Amino acid sequence: MTLKQLTFPLFALIVLSSCSSTKNAGNEELYKHTWELEYITGTRIAFDGLFPDKKPYLNFEKSTNMVTGNAGCNGYSSDYKLKGNSLTFGEKGISTMMYCGEGEQQFLNMLKKINSYSIDKDGKLNLWMDEVPMMRFYKKQ
């Protein structure tokens, strides 16, 4: 084989492997961490203004298909469905009902729109609505 014949297959392999590293991280990574929100799209209020005291976080429970955590003010739980990189959240379960500003409601409304996820090369969890990244979480220590 000549160098010219090897160039295209090598280039295609590099492109395909780089794409898969951001969109197909494997489901097991979801269950190993508490994920704290660091970005949410579509808000008119600055992120720190939405969540001045506590940032939302999620914990995925594999055995029960439940996600638990905090929505920025009140506790949160919901069922979820996961198949490959497809991810959807059910209705919010029972929680406390304190009012702490607009951030919590925006977070909960955004979760209803999510239909997939990815874990990027930096290890951050991205929640997507179709092809648009809506929220980004980091691994909380």
N, C-alpha and C. Protein backbone atom coordinates (compact mmCIF):
# COMPACT_ATOMS: atom_id res chain seq x y z
N MET A 1 0.84 -1.19 0.00
CA MET A 1 0.00 0.00 0.00
C MET A 1 0.88 1.24 0.00
N THR A 2 0.42 2.23 -0.68
CA THR A 2 1.16 3.47 -0.74
C THR A 2 0.72 4.39 0.39
N LEU A 3 1.49 5.40 0.62
CA LEU A 3 1.17 6.39 1.64
C LEU A 3 -0.16 7.06 1.34
N LYS A 4 -0.44 7.31 0.08
CA LYS A 4 -1.68 7.95 -0.33
C LYS A 4 -2.89 7.06 0.00
N GLN A 5 -2.75 5.76 -0.17
CA GLN A 5 -3.83 4.83 0.11
C GLN A 5 -4.09 4.71 1.62
N LEU A 6 -3.10 4.91 2.44
CA LEU A 6 -3.25 4.81 3.89
C LEU A 6 -3.77 6.10 4.53
N THR A 7 -3.60 7.22 3.86
CA THR A 7 -3.95 8.51 4.44
C THR A 7 -5.44 8.63 4.74
N PHE A 8 -6.30 8.31 3.80
CA PHE A 8 -7.74 8.46 4.03
C PHE A 8 -8.25 7.55 5.15
N PRO A 9 -7.95 6.24 5.15
CA PRO A 9 -8.43 5.39 6.26
C PRO A 9 -7.91 5.87 7.62
N LEU A 10 -6.67 6.32 7.69
CA LEU A 10 -6.13 6.82 8.95
C LEU A 10 -6.86 8.09 9.39
N PHE A 11 -7.10 9.00 8.47
CA PHE A 11 -7.83 10.23 8.78
C PHE A 11 -9.24 9.91 9.25
N ALA A 12 -9.94 9.00 8.57
CA ALA A 12 -11.30 8.62 8.95
C ALA A 12 -11.32 8.01 10.34
N LEU A 13 -10.35 7.18 10.65
CA LEU A 13 -10.27 6.57 11.97
C LEU A 13 -10.08 7.62 13.06
N ILE A 14 -9.24 8.59 12.83
CA ILE A 14 -9.00 9.66 13.81
C ILE A 14 -10.27 10.47 14.04
N VAL A 15 -10.96 10.85 12.98
CA VAL A 15 -12.19 11.63 13.11
C VAL A 15 -13.26 10.85 13.85
N LEU A 16 -13.47 9.60 13.51
CA LEU A 16 -14.49 8.79 14.17
C LEU A 16 -14.17 8.56 15.63
N SER A 17 -12.93 8.33 15.97
CA SER A 17 -12.59 8.09 17.37
C SER A 17 -12.71 9.37 18.19
N SER A 18 -12.41 10.53 17.61
CA SER A 18 -12.56 11.77 18.37
C SER A 18 -14.02 12.11 18.59
N CYS A 19 -14.90 11.82 17.65
CA CYS A 19 -16.32 12.06 17.82
C CYS A 19 -16.90 11.14 18.89
N SER A 20 -16.51 9.90 18.88
CA SER A 20 -17.08 8.96 19.84
C SER A 20 -16.59 9.25 21.26
N SER A 21 -15.47 9.90 21.44
CA SER A 21 -14.99 10.17 22.79
C SER A 21 -15.85 11.19 23.51
N THR A 22 -16.60 12.01 22.79
CA THR A 22 -17.45 12.99 23.46
C THR A 22 -18.89 12.54 23.54
N LYS A 23 -19.35 11.62 22.70
CA LYS A 23 -20.76 11.26 22.70
C LYS A 23 -21.04 9.88 23.29
N ASN A 24 -20.05 9.02 23.45
CA ASN A 24 -20.32 7.67 23.90
C ASN A 24 -19.34 7.30 25.00
N ALA A 25 -19.62 7.71 26.21
CA ALA A 25 -18.70 7.52 27.31
C ALA A 25 -18.97 6.24 28.08
N GLY A 26 -20.09 5.59 27.86
CA GLY A 26 -20.43 4.41 28.64
C GLY A 26 -21.27 4.80 29.84
N ASN A 27 -22.32 4.06 30.07
CA ASN A 27 -23.26 4.39 31.15
C ASN A 27 -22.67 4.27 32.54
N GLU A 28 -21.70 3.42 32.74
CA GLU A 28 -21.16 3.20 34.08
C GLU A 28 -20.60 4.47 34.70
N GLU A 29 -20.09 5.36 33.90
CA GLU A 29 -19.52 6.61 34.42
C GLU A 29 -20.58 7.46 35.12
N LEU A 30 -21.82 7.37 34.70
CA LEU A 30 -22.90 8.14 35.33
C LEU A 30 -23.06 7.80 36.81
N TYR A 31 -22.88 6.53 37.16
CA TYR A 31 -23.19 6.06 38.50
C TYR A 31 -22.07 6.28 39.51
N LYS A 32 -20.91 6.63 39.07
CA LYS A 32 -19.74 6.70 39.95
C LYS A 32 -19.60 8.03 40.67
N HIS A 33 -20.38 9.04 40.31
CA HIS A 33 -20.12 10.39 40.80
C HIS A 33 -21.39 11.13 41.20
N THR A 34 -21.20 12.14 42.02
CA THR A 34 -22.22 13.17 42.21
C THR A 34 -21.90 14.26 41.21
N TRP A 35 -22.90 14.67 40.45
CA TRP A 35 -22.71 15.64 39.36
C TRP A 35 -23.29 16.98 39.78
N GLU A 36 -22.44 18.01 39.86
CA GLU A 36 -22.89 19.35 40.24
C GLU A 36 -22.97 20.25 39.01
N LEU A 37 -24.08 20.98 38.90
CA LEU A 37 -24.33 21.85 37.75
C LEU A 37 -23.34 23.02 37.73
N GLU A 38 -22.78 23.27 36.53
CA GLU A 38 -21.91 24.43 36.37
C GLU A 38 -22.36 25.34 35.23
N TYR A 39 -23.34 24.88 34.45
CA TYR A 39 -23.84 25.70 33.35
C TYR A 39 -25.25 25.25 32.99
N ILE A 40 -26.12 26.22 32.72
CA ILE A 40 -27.47 25.95 32.22
C ILE A 40 -27.75 26.99 31.13
N THR A 41 -28.30 26.56 30.03
CA THR A 41 -28.54 27.46 28.90
C THR A 41 -29.91 28.13 29.01
N GLY A 42 -30.06 29.22 28.28
CA GLY A 42 -31.36 29.83 28.09
C GLY A 42 -31.88 30.71 29.21
N THR A 43 -31.08 31.03 30.18
CA THR A 43 -31.57 31.86 31.28
C THR A 43 -31.21 33.32 31.06
N ARG A 44 -32.03 34.18 31.58
CA ARG A 44 -31.75 35.63 31.47
C ARG A 44 -31.01 36.14 32.70
N ILE A 45 -30.92 35.29 33.70
CA ILE A 45 -30.24 35.65 34.95
C ILE A 45 -28.90 34.94 34.97
N ALA A 46 -27.86 35.62 35.47
CA ALA A 46 -26.54 35.02 35.56
C ALA A 46 -26.60 33.75 36.41
N PHE A 47 -25.75 32.79 36.10
CA PHE A 47 -25.76 31.49 36.78
C PHE A 47 -25.68 31.64 38.30
N ASP A 48 -24.76 32.45 38.79
CA ASP A 48 -24.63 32.64 40.24
C ASP A 48 -25.83 33.34 40.84
N GLY A 49 -26.56 34.10 40.06
CA GLY A 49 -27.80 34.72 40.54
C GLY A 49 -28.94 33.72 40.62
N LEU A 50 -28.94 32.73 39.74
CA LEU A 50 -29.95 31.67 39.79
C LEU A 50 -29.76 30.77 40.99
N PHE A 51 -28.51 30.49 41.31
CA PHE A 51 -28.18 29.55 42.39
C PHE A 51 -27.17 30.19 43.34
N PRO A 52 -27.60 31.19 44.11
CA PRO A 52 -26.65 31.93 44.96
C PRO A 52 -26.11 31.12 46.13
N ASP A 53 -26.89 30.19 46.66
CA ASP A 53 -26.48 29.48 47.87
C ASP A 53 -26.02 28.05 47.61
N LYS A 54 -26.71 27.37 46.72
CA LYS A 54 -26.44 25.95 46.49
C LYS A 54 -26.67 25.64 45.03
N LYS A 55 -25.72 24.93 44.42
CA LYS A 55 -25.84 24.53 43.03
C LYS A 55 -26.57 23.19 42.96
N PRO A 56 -27.43 23.00 41.95
CA PRO A 56 -28.09 21.70 41.78
C PRO A 56 -27.07 20.59 41.55
N TYR A 57 -27.43 19.40 42.02
CA TYR A 57 -26.59 18.24 41.77
C TYR A 57 -27.46 17.01 41.59
N LEU A 58 -26.90 16.00 40.93
CA LEU A 58 -27.60 14.76 40.61
C LEU A 58 -26.76 13.55 41.01
N ASN A 59 -27.45 12.50 41.45
CA ASN A 59 -26.85 11.19 41.68
C ASN A 59 -27.72 10.17 40.95
N PHE A 60 -27.13 9.39 40.07
CA PHE A 60 -27.87 8.37 39.33
C PHE A 60 -27.75 7.04 40.08
N GLU A 61 -28.88 6.42 40.38
CA GLU A 61 -28.92 5.12 41.05
C GLU A 61 -29.23 4.05 40.00
N LYS A 62 -28.27 3.19 39.76
CA LYS A 62 -28.42 2.17 38.72
C LYS A 62 -29.47 1.13 39.07
N SER A 63 -29.50 0.67 40.31
CA SER A 63 -30.38 -0.44 40.68
C SER A 63 -31.86 -0.05 40.70
N THR A 64 -32.16 1.22 40.95
CA THR A 64 -33.56 1.66 41.05
C THR A 64 -34.02 2.52 39.88
N ASN A 65 -33.09 2.88 38.98
CA ASN A 65 -33.39 3.82 37.89
C ASN A 65 -33.98 5.11 38.42
N MET A 66 -33.42 5.58 39.53
CA MET A 66 -33.83 6.85 40.12
C MET A 66 -32.64 7.80 40.11
N VAL A 67 -32.94 9.08 39.94
CA VAL A 67 -31.95 10.12 40.09
C VAL A 67 -32.39 10.93 41.31
N THR A 68 -31.45 11.23 42.19
CA THR A 68 -31.73 12.01 43.38
C THR A 68 -30.72 13.14 43.47
N GLY A 69 -31.05 14.13 44.27
CA GLY A 69 -30.12 15.23 44.45
C GLY A 69 -30.82 16.44 44.99
N ASN A 70 -30.35 17.59 44.56
CA ASN A 70 -30.91 18.86 45.00
C ASN A 70 -31.08 19.73 43.77
N ALA A 71 -32.18 20.46 43.71
CA ALA A 71 -32.48 21.31 42.55
C ALA A 71 -32.04 22.75 42.78
N GLY A 72 -31.21 22.97 43.79
CA GLY A 72 -30.72 24.31 44.09
C GLY A 72 -31.28 24.85 45.39
N CYS A 73 -32.37 24.27 45.86
CA CYS A 73 -33.01 24.69 47.09
C CYS A 73 -33.64 23.49 47.79
N ASN A 74 -34.44 22.75 47.07
CA ASN A 74 -35.16 21.61 47.61
C ASN A 74 -34.58 20.30 47.08
N GLY A 75 -34.80 19.24 47.85
CA GLY A 75 -34.39 17.92 47.41
C GLY A 75 -35.15 17.53 46.15
N TYR A 76 -34.59 16.62 45.39
CA TYR A 76 -35.14 16.24 44.10
C TYR A 76 -35.00 14.73 43.92
N SER A 77 -36.01 14.10 43.37
CA SER A 77 -35.91 12.71 42.93
C SER A 77 -36.83 12.51 41.73
N SER A 78 -36.43 11.59 40.89
CA SER A 78 -37.21 11.28 39.69
C SER A 78 -36.74 9.94 39.16
N ASP A 79 -37.58 9.28 38.41
CA ASP A 79 -37.10 8.12 37.69
C ASP A 79 -36.44 8.61 36.40
N TYR A 80 -35.66 7.76 35.78
CA TYR A 80 -35.05 8.11 34.50
C TYR A 80 -35.01 6.87 33.63
N LYS A 81 -34.92 7.09 32.33
CA LYS A 81 -34.78 6.01 31.37
C LYS A 81 -33.49 6.24 30.61
N LEU A 82 -32.70 5.19 30.52
CA LEU A 82 -31.39 5.27 29.90
C LEU A 82 -31.23 4.11 28.93
N LYS A 83 -30.91 4.43 27.69
CA LYS A 83 -30.62 3.41 26.69
C LYS A 83 -29.52 3.97 25.79
N GLY A 84 -28.34 3.40 25.91
CA GLY A 84 -27.19 3.96 25.19
C GLY A 84 -26.94 5.37 25.71
N ASN A 85 -26.95 6.33 24.81
CA ASN A 85 -26.78 7.73 25.22
C ASN A 85 -28.11 8.48 25.27
N SER A 86 -29.20 7.76 25.07
CA SER A 86 -30.52 8.36 25.21
C SER A 86 -30.88 8.40 26.69
N LEU A 87 -31.29 9.56 27.17
CA LEU A 87 -31.60 9.76 28.59
C LEU A 87 -32.82 10.66 28.71
N THR A 88 -33.83 10.20 29.44
CA THR A 88 -34.99 11.03 29.73
C THR A 88 -35.32 10.92 31.21
N PHE A 89 -35.88 11.99 31.75
CA PHE A 89 -36.24 12.06 33.15
C PHE A 89 -37.76 12.05 33.28
N GLY A 90 -38.25 11.35 34.32
CA GLY A 90 -39.67 11.33 34.60
C GLY A 90 -40.08 12.56 35.39
N GLU A 91 -41.29 12.53 35.92
CA GLU A 91 -41.79 13.64 36.73
C GLU A 91 -41.08 13.68 38.08
N LYS A 92 -40.93 14.87 38.60
CA LYS A 92 -40.30 15.08 39.90
C LYS A 92 -41.11 14.37 40.97
N GLY A 93 -40.41 13.71 41.89
CA GLY A 93 -41.06 13.05 43.01
C GLY A 93 -41.35 14.02 44.14
N ILE A 94 -41.70 13.50 45.27
CA ILE A 94 -42.02 14.31 46.46
C ILE A 94 -40.76 15.03 46.93
N SER A 95 -40.91 16.30 47.27
CA SER A 95 -39.79 17.08 47.81
C SER A 95 -40.33 18.16 48.73
N THR A 96 -39.42 18.82 49.41
CA THR A 96 -39.82 19.97 50.20
C THR A 96 -40.23 21.08 49.25
N MET A 97 -40.90 22.11 49.76
CA MET A 97 -41.45 23.13 48.87
C MET A 97 -41.03 24.55 49.24
N MET A 98 -39.78 24.74 49.66
CA MET A 98 -39.30 26.09 49.94
C MET A 98 -39.12 26.83 48.62
N TYR A 99 -39.35 28.14 48.65
CA TYR A 99 -39.10 28.96 47.47
C TYR A 99 -37.76 29.66 47.64
N CYS A 100 -36.88 29.50 46.66
CA CYS A 100 -35.55 30.09 46.74
C CYS A 100 -35.17 30.82 45.46
N GLY A 101 -36.12 31.41 44.78
CA GLY A 101 -35.83 32.12 43.54
C GLY A 101 -36.20 31.30 42.32
N GLU A 102 -35.77 31.78 41.16
CA GLU A 102 -36.17 31.18 39.88
C GLU A 102 -35.30 30.02 39.43
N GLY A 103 -34.13 29.87 40.01
CA GLY A 103 -33.18 28.87 39.53
C GLY A 103 -33.70 27.45 39.57
N GLU A 104 -34.31 27.09 40.68
CA GLU A 104 -34.79 25.72 40.83
C GLU A 104 -35.82 25.37 39.76
N GLN A 105 -36.77 26.23 39.51
CA GLN A 105 -37.79 25.96 38.51
C GLN A 105 -37.19 25.85 37.12
N GLN A 106 -36.21 26.70 36.82
CA GLN A 106 -35.56 26.61 35.51
C GLN A 106 -34.81 25.29 35.36
N PHE A 107 -34.15 24.85 36.42
CA PHE A 107 -33.43 23.58 36.41
C PHE A 107 -34.40 22.42 36.17
N LEU A 108 -35.51 22.38 36.91
CA LEU A 108 -36.48 21.30 36.78
C LEU A 108 -37.16 21.30 35.41
N ASN A 109 -37.48 22.47 34.90
CA ASN A 109 -38.07 22.56 33.56
C ASN A 109 -37.10 22.08 32.48
N MET A 110 -35.84 22.41 32.65
CA MET A 110 -34.82 22.00 31.67
C MET A 110 -34.66 20.48 31.67
N LEU A 111 -34.70 19.85 32.85
CA LEU A 111 -34.56 18.39 32.91
C LEU A 111 -35.63 17.69 32.07
N LYS A 112 -36.82 18.24 32.02
CA LYS A 112 -37.92 17.63 31.26
C LYS A 112 -37.62 17.63 29.75
N LYS A 113 -36.75 18.52 29.29
CA LYS A 113 -36.44 18.64 27.87
C LYS A 113 -35.29 17.74 27.42
N ILE A 114 -34.57 17.17 28.34
CA ILE A 114 -33.36 16.40 28.03
C ILE A 114 -33.73 15.09 27.36
N ASN A 115 -32.97 14.72 26.31
CA ASN A 115 -33.21 13.43 25.68
C ASN A 115 -31.93 12.64 25.40
N SER A 116 -30.77 13.18 25.78
CA SER A 116 -29.52 12.42 25.65
C SER A 116 -28.45 13.04 26.54
N TYR A 117 -27.34 12.33 26.64
CA TYR A 117 -26.23 12.83 27.44
C TYR A 117 -24.91 12.45 26.79
N SER A 118 -23.87 13.09 27.23
CA SER A 118 -22.51 12.70 26.85
C SER A 118 -21.59 13.07 28.00
N ILE A 119 -20.45 12.42 28.05
CA ILE A 119 -19.39 12.80 28.98
C ILE A 119 -18.21 13.18 28.11
N ASP A 120 -17.77 14.43 28.25
CA ASP A 120 -16.75 14.94 27.35
C ASP A 120 -15.35 14.51 27.78
N LYS A 121 -14.35 14.92 27.01
CA LYS A 121 -12.97 14.52 27.25
C LYS A 121 -12.45 15.03 28.58
N ASP A 122 -13.08 16.08 29.15
CA ASP A 122 -12.69 16.60 30.45
C ASP A 122 -13.44 15.92 31.59
N GLY A 123 -14.26 14.92 31.27
CA GLY A 123 -15.01 14.19 32.29
C GLY A 123 -16.26 14.90 32.76
N LYS A 124 -16.75 15.86 32.01
CA LYS A 124 -17.96 16.60 32.39
C LYS A 124 -19.19 15.99 31.73
N LEU A 125 -20.28 15.96 32.49
CA LEU A 125 -21.55 15.42 32.02
C LEU A 125 -22.32 16.53 31.31
N ASN A 126 -22.68 16.29 30.07
CA ASN A 126 -23.47 17.23 29.28
C ASN A 126 -24.83 16.62 29.02
N LEU A 127 -25.88 17.36 29.33
CA LEU A 127 -27.24 16.92 29.05
C LEU A 127 -27.74 17.68 27.84
N TRP A 128 -28.30 16.96 26.88
CA TRP A 128 -28.65 17.49 25.57
C TRP A 128 -30.14 17.45 25.32
N MET A 129 -30.61 18.41 24.54
CA MET A 129 -31.94 18.37 23.93
C MET A 129 -31.67 18.32 22.43
N ASP A 130 -31.91 17.17 21.84
CA ASP A 130 -31.55 16.92 20.45
C ASP A 130 -30.06 17.15 20.28
N GLU A 131 -29.65 18.09 19.47
CA GLU A 131 -28.22 18.33 19.23
C GLU A 131 -27.70 19.56 19.98
N VAL A 132 -28.47 20.05 20.96
CA VAL A 132 -28.10 21.28 21.68
C VAL A 132 -27.75 20.94 23.13
N PRO A 133 -26.54 21.29 23.57
CA PRO A 133 -26.19 21.06 24.98
C PRO A 133 -26.95 22.05 25.87
N MET A 134 -27.69 21.54 26.84
CA MET A 134 -28.54 22.38 27.68
C MET A 134 -27.96 22.61 29.07
N MET A 135 -27.28 21.60 29.62
CA MET A 135 -26.71 21.71 30.96
C MET A 135 -25.38 20.96 30.99
N ARG A 136 -24.47 21.47 31.85
CA ARG A 136 -23.17 20.81 32.01
C ARG A 136 -22.90 20.67 33.50
N PHE A 137 -22.42 19.48 33.89
CA PHE A 137 -22.13 19.16 35.28
C PHE A 137 -20.69 18.71 35.40
N TYR A 138 -20.09 18.95 36.55
CA TYR A 138 -18.77 18.42 36.83
C TYR A 138 -18.87 17.42 37.98
N LYS A 139 -17.83 16.61 38.12
CA LYS A 139 -17.78 15.62 39.19
C LYS A 139 -17.49 16.32 40.50
N LYS A 140 -18.45 16.25 41.40
CA LYS A 140 -18.30 16.91 42.70
C LYS A 140 -17.42 16.05 43.60
N GLN A 141 -16.49 16.69 44.26
CA GLN A 141 -15.57 15.96 45.17
C GLN A 141 -16.12 15.86 46.56
